[in-house]
Amino acid sequence: MWSKTFAGLIIGLLLSVSLVLNLNLLLPIKEDTMLLIGLLLAFPIWAGIQVWGYSFINAKKAWLKLSLVLIPSVLINAVLLSLR
């Protein structure tokens, strides 16, 4: 149970930041609006990922599936930041 909690906390935080960064890099809006959108979306995304982490049968699957979602998001971040 604790390992699922840590998977949701750690990977969930990284994934929510990564997804919000992807959204901010893709939307052509002002910086202050991007920050507000990121502030409003980051916590619900993080909470949803934590709940999703508890839905797996064991902690190993939770870490694996959450990592498989995190890796492409981080790669998209790297590509978008390099094109900026």
Protein backbone atom coordinates (compact mmCIF):
# COMPACT_ATOMS: atom_id res chain seq x y z
CA MET A 1 0.00 0.00 0.00
CA TRP A 2 2.79 2.43 0.85
CA SER A 3 4.59 1.68 -2.37
CA LYS A 4 1.45 2.55 -4.37
CA THR A 5 1.21 5.76 -2.37
CA PHE A 6 4.79 6.71 -3.18
CA ALA A 7 4.25 5.81 -6.85
CA GLY A 8 1.29 8.16 -6.97
CA LEU A 9 3.09 10.90 -5.09
CA ILE A 10 6.40 10.84 -6.92
CA ILE A 11 5.43 9.84 -10.44
CA GLY A 12 2.13 11.68 -10.13
CA LEU A 13 3.89 14.92 -9.28
CA LEU A 14 6.38 14.55 -12.12
CA LEU A 15 3.66 13.56 -14.57
CA SER A 16 1.33 16.40 -13.64
CA VAL A 17 4.13 18.95 -14.02
CA SER A 18 5.15 17.37 -17.32
CA LEU A 19 1.60 17.36 -18.72
CA VAL A 20 1.00 20.97 -17.71
CA LEU A 21 4.33 21.95 -19.28
CA ASN A 22 3.32 20.21 -22.51
CA LEU A 23 0.06 22.09 -22.51
CA ASN A 24 1.79 25.40 -21.85
CA LEU A 25 4.28 24.82 -24.64
CA LEU A 26 1.58 23.89 -27.14
CA LEU A 27 -0.93 26.66 -26.44
CA PRO A 28 -0.22 30.04 -28.06
CA ILE A 29 -1.43 32.22 -25.18
CA LYS A 30 0.08 34.82 -22.88
CA GLU A 31 2.45 33.78 -20.14
CA ASP A 32 0.22 34.90 -17.26
CA THR A 33 -2.68 32.88 -18.65
CA MET A 34 -0.44 29.84 -19.06
CA LEU A 35 0.62 30.10 -15.42
CA LEU A 36 -3.00 30.31 -14.26
CA ILE A 37 -3.98 27.30 -16.36
CA GLY A 38 -1.03 25.35 -14.97
CA LEU A 39 -1.94 26.30 -11.41
CA LEU A 40 -5.54 25.23 -11.88
CA LEU A 41 -4.78 21.94 -13.65
CA ALA A 42 -1.71 20.60 -11.85
CA PHE A 43 -3.37 19.56 -8.59
CA PRO A 44 -6.41 17.76 -10.10
CA ILE A 45 -4.13 15.89 -12.51
CA TRP A 46 -1.86 14.90 -9.63
CA ALA A 47 -4.79 13.72 -7.52
CA GLY A 48 -6.21 11.73 -10.43
CA ILE A 49 -2.88 10.00 -11.00
CA GLN A 50 -2.67 9.12 -7.31
CA VAL A 51 -6.12 7.53 -7.47
CA TRP A 52 -5.14 5.71 -10.66
CA GLY A 53 -2.06 4.35 -8.87
CA TYR A 54 -4.28 2.72 -6.24
CA SER A 55 -6.33 0.96 -8.92
CA PHE A 56 -3.53 -1.46 -9.82
CA ILE A 57 -3.31 -4.91 -8.29
CA ASN A 58 0.21 -4.51 -6.91
CA ALA A 59 2.79 -1.78 -6.50
CA LYS A 60 5.06 -3.07 -9.26
CA LYS A 61 2.32 -2.61 -11.86
CA ALA A 62 1.55 0.84 -10.50
CA TRP A 63 5.18 1.96 -10.84
CA LEU A 64 5.44 0.38 -14.31
CA LYS A 65 2.24 1.79 -15.80
CA LEU A 66 2.74 5.26 -14.35
CA SER A 67 6.32 5.29 -15.62
CA LEU A 68 5.15 4.23 -19.08
CA VAL A 69 2.95 7.33 -19.16
CA LEU A 70 5.67 9.60 -17.74
CA ILE A 71 8.42 8.70 -20.22
CA PRO A 72 6.63 9.83 -23.43
CA SER A 73 5.47 13.00 -21.73
CA VAL A 74 9.03 13.87 -20.72
CA LEU A 75 10.25 13.14 -24.25
CA ILE A 76 7.59 15.46 -25.66
CA ASN A 77 8.76 18.10 -23.16
CA ALA A 78 12.32 17.74 -24.40
CA VAL A 79 11.32 18.04 -28.05
CA LEU A 80 9.07 21.04 -27.48
CA LEU A 81 11.68 22.81 -25.39
CA SER A 82 14.38 22.20 -27.99
CA LEU A 83 12.14 23.62 -30.73
CA ARG A 84 11.38 26.74 -28.74
